[in-house]
């Protein structure tokens, strides 16, 4: 017989690149894959995870039924929509309360913009909620404060993957401000 149960664990410090090695492969499905693919560097502290286990429907062993936890992160590099340039030097709190979504509370960071990545936007504070981590395609809601030159904002919003200004560009010739 397989009995249901809960396991809680934590680590005081962790290198974000080591997250790929830890935990059950199927726990969080896309969440773990998304984090290890898109956040290649940075450090974390106060990692805590609670996992609920129970018998598989076919009776053939254990299955992960619930997953929650979080991590305080420093100096992350975050690839949020490739090939758009990543966010750098991000300090944030990553939280998950189920296996299908995660929330990132951003304190600050920066992003380089433009064809030669000479522009810079400062990011934070803000929040990113990523849903459908158990599916092929995810949906993200981003709410973050950005500051920088108007040209850099327009360059970011004009990125073809953003689908914001790439279809209906602003009629500015040389924006500044």
Protein backbone atom coordinates (compact mmCIF):
# COMPACT_ATOMS: atom_id res chain seq x y z
CA UNK A 1 0.00 0.00 0.00
CA UNK A 2 1.04 3.57 -0.69
CA UNK A 3 0.15 6.17 1.94
CA UNK A 4 -0.31 9.84 1.16
CA UNK A 5 1.99 12.29 2.91
CA UNK A 6 3.69 15.66 2.92
CA UNK A 7 7.38 16.50 2.93
CA UNK A 8 8.77 19.93 3.79
CA UNK A 9 12.37 20.94 3.28
CA UNK A 10 14.55 23.98 3.01
CA UNK A 11 18.04 25.14 2.22
CA UNK A 12 19.66 28.33 3.49
CA UNK A 13 21.69 29.08 0.32
CA UNK A 14 21.55 27.76 -3.23
CA UNK A 15 23.11 28.56 -6.60
CA UNK A 16 20.22 28.96 -9.07
CA UNK A 17 22.06 26.85 -11.66
CA UNK A 18 21.92 23.90 -9.18
CA UNK A 19 18.09 23.90 -9.11
CA UNK A 20 18.15 21.70 -12.22
CA UNK A 21 19.65 18.88 -10.15
CA UNK A 22 17.19 18.92 -7.25
CA UNK A 23 13.72 17.64 -6.66
CA UNK A 24 11.49 15.17 -8.44
CA UNK A 25 11.60 15.53 -12.24
CA UNK A 26 7.81 15.72 -12.58
CA UNK A 27 7.28 18.11 -9.66
CA UNK A 28 6.09 21.35 -11.11
CA UNK A 29 6.52 19.98 -14.63
CA UNK A 30 7.11 23.14 -16.63
CA UNK A 31 7.99 25.28 -13.60
CA UNK A 32 11.29 23.61 -12.93
CA UNK A 33 12.09 23.43 -16.65
CA UNK A 34 11.22 27.13 -17.12
CA UNK A 35 13.37 28.26 -14.20
CA UNK A 36 16.42 26.18 -15.16
CA UNK A 37 16.19 27.19 -18.83
CA UNK A 38 15.50 30.89 -18.36
CA UNK A 39 17.34 31.81 -15.15
CA UNK A 40 20.89 30.52 -15.76
CA UNK A 41 22.67 32.43 -12.99
CA UNK A 42 22.19 34.02 -9.61
CA UNK A 43 22.06 32.99 -5.99
CA UNK A 44 19.18 32.17 -3.71
CA UNK A 45 18.50 31.95 -0.03
CA UNK A 46 15.64 30.76 2.15
CA UNK A 47 14.60 28.07 -0.33
CA UNK A 48 11.60 26.22 1.07
CA UNK A 49 9.50 23.53 -0.56
CA UNK A 50 6.47 21.58 0.61
CA UNK A 51 5.42 18.62 -1.53
CA UNK A 52 2.34 16.47 -1.09
CA UNK A 53 2.52 12.88 -2.28
CA UNK A 54 -0.08 10.20 -2.81
CA UNK A 55 -0.70 6.99 -4.69
CA UNK A 56 -0.87 7.10 -8.46
CA UNK A 57 -4.31 6.36 -9.91
CA UNK A 58 -2.96 3.08 -11.32
CA UNK A 59 -1.62 2.10 -7.88
CA UNK A 60 1.91 1.83 -9.25
CA UNK A 61 3.75 4.09 -6.81
CA UNK A 62 3.84 7.69 -5.65
CA UNK A 63 2.75 10.81 -7.50
CA UNK A 64 3.33 14.47 -6.61
CA UNK A 65 -0.11 15.91 -5.76
CA UNK A 66 0.82 19.39 -4.52
CA UNK A 67 3.84 21.66 -4.46
CA UNK A 68 4.47 25.04 -2.84
CA UNK A 69 7.41 27.12 -1.71
CA UNK A 70 9.66 30.00 -2.53
CA UNK A 71 13.14 31.42 -2.86
CA UNK A 72 14.75 34.82 -2.24
CA UNK A 73 17.03 35.48 -5.21
CA UNK A 74 19.90 37.89 -5.87
CA UNK A 75 21.77 38.92 -9.00
CA UNK A 76 19.67 36.78 -11.35
CA UNK A 77 19.91 36.81 -15.12
CA UNK A 78 16.37 36.25 -16.47
CA UNK A 79 15.59 35.39 -20.10
CA UNK A 80 11.92 36.29 -20.15
CA UNK A 81 11.11 36.23 -23.89
CA UNK A 82 13.95 35.04 -26.12
CA UNK A 83 15.55 36.46 -28.25
CA UNK A 84 14.82 39.74 -26.40
CA UNK A 85 17.80 40.62 -24.22
CA UNK A 86 17.59 39.27 -20.66
CA UNK A 87 17.12 41.13 -17.41
CA UNK A 88 20.34 41.50 -15.42
CA UNK A 89 21.20 41.90 -11.74
CA UNK A 90 17.62 41.07 -10.70
CA UNK A 91 16.77 40.76 -7.02
CA UNK A 92 13.42 39.04 -6.54
CA UNK A 93 11.28 36.60 -4.57
CA UNK A 94 10.09 33.52 -6.50
CA UNK A 95 6.95 31.89 -5.10
CA UNK A 96 4.76 28.99 -6.14
CA UNK A 97 1.62 27.72 -4.48
CA UNK A 98 0.71 25.01 -6.97
CA UNK A 99 2.24 23.07 -9.84
CA UNK A 100 0.76 25.23 -12.60
CA UNK A 101 1.87 28.78 -11.78
CA UNK A 102 4.61 30.85 -10.22
CA UNK A 103 4.93 34.44 -9.08
CA UNK A 104 8.07 36.54 -9.20
CA UNK A 105 8.13 39.68 -7.06
CA UNK A 106 10.83 41.87 -8.63
CA UNK A 107 12.72 44.33 -6.46
CA UNK A 108 15.05 45.72 -9.13
CA UNK A 109 17.19 44.90 -12.16
CA UNK A 110 18.03 46.29 -15.59
CA UNK A 111 17.68 45.39 -19.26
CA UNK A 112 19.76 46.44 -22.25
CA UNK A 113 17.82 47.51 -25.35
CA UNK A 114 18.36 48.47 -28.96
CA UNK A 115 20.09 46.89 -31.93
CA UNK A 116 23.54 47.13 -30.33
CA UNK A 117 22.23 46.83 -26.76
CA UNK A 118 23.52 50.26 -25.79
CA UNK A 119 20.25 51.45 -24.25
CA UNK A 120 19.31 50.59 -20.69
CA UNK A 121 16.01 50.35 -18.82
CA UNK A 122 15.85 50.09 -15.05
CA UNK A 123 13.25 47.56 -13.80
CA UNK A 124 11.31 47.30 -10.57
CA UNK A 125 9.53 47.07 -8.37
CA UNK A 126 6.99 44.78 -9.97
CA UNK A 127 5.38 41.37 -10.31
CA UNK A 128 5.40 38.62 -12.93
CA UNK A 129 2.79 35.84 -12.75
CA UNK A 130 3.40 32.86 -15.04
CA UNK A 131 0.53 30.43 -15.59
CA UNK A 132 0.08 27.15 -17.45
CA UNK A 133 3.48 25.77 -16.45
CA UNK A 134 2.03 22.31 -16.97
CA UNK A 135 1.32 23.09 -20.64
CA UNK A 136 3.44 23.56 -23.75
CA UNK A 137 2.85 27.33 -23.86
CA UNK A 138 2.73 29.59 -20.84
CA UNK A 139 0.90 32.86 -20.20
CA UNK A 140 2.61 35.64 -18.25
CA UNK A 141 1.19 38.80 -16.74
CA UNK A 142 3.88 41.42 -16.18
CA UNK A 143 3.38 44.48 -14.04
CA UNK A 144 6.66 46.32 -13.47
CA UNK A 145 7.92 49.87 -13.28
CA UNK A 146 10.42 50.79 -15.99
CA UNK A 147 12.55 53.92 -16.12
CA UNK A 148 14.90 55.12 -18.81
CA UNK A 149 15.12 57.06 -22.03
CA UNK A 150 11.94 57.09 -24.17
CA UNK A 151 13.95 55.66 -27.09
CA UNK A 152 14.82 52.59 -24.99
CA UNK A 153 11.18 52.02 -24.04
CA UNK A 154 10.13 52.22 -27.71
CA UNK A 155 12.93 49.84 -28.73
CA UNK A 156 11.74 47.27 -26.20
CA UNK A 157 8.06 47.61 -27.16
CA UNK A 158 9.05 47.35 -30.86
CA UNK A 159 10.58 43.90 -30.42
CA UNK A 160 8.71 41.56 -32.82
CA UNK A 161 8.08 38.93 -30.09
CA UNK A 162 6.28 41.56 -27.97
CA UNK A 163 3.56 42.13 -30.61
CA UNK A 164 3.03 45.65 -29.28
CA UNK A 165 4.65 48.21 -31.59
CA UNK A 166 6.08 45.81 -34.17
CA UNK A 167 2.72 45.84 -35.99
CA UNK A 168 1.75 49.47 -35.34
CA UNK A 169 4.95 51.48 -34.80
CA UNK A 170 5.03 55.01 -33.39
CA UNK A 171 5.65 57.63 -36.10
CA UNK A 172 8.68 59.05 -34.20
CA UNK A 173 11.90 59.62 -36.11
CA UNK A 174 14.35 60.17 -33.23
CA UNK A 175 12.64 59.99 -29.82
CA UNK A 176 14.38 61.31 -26.71
CA UNK A 177 13.32 62.04 -23.16
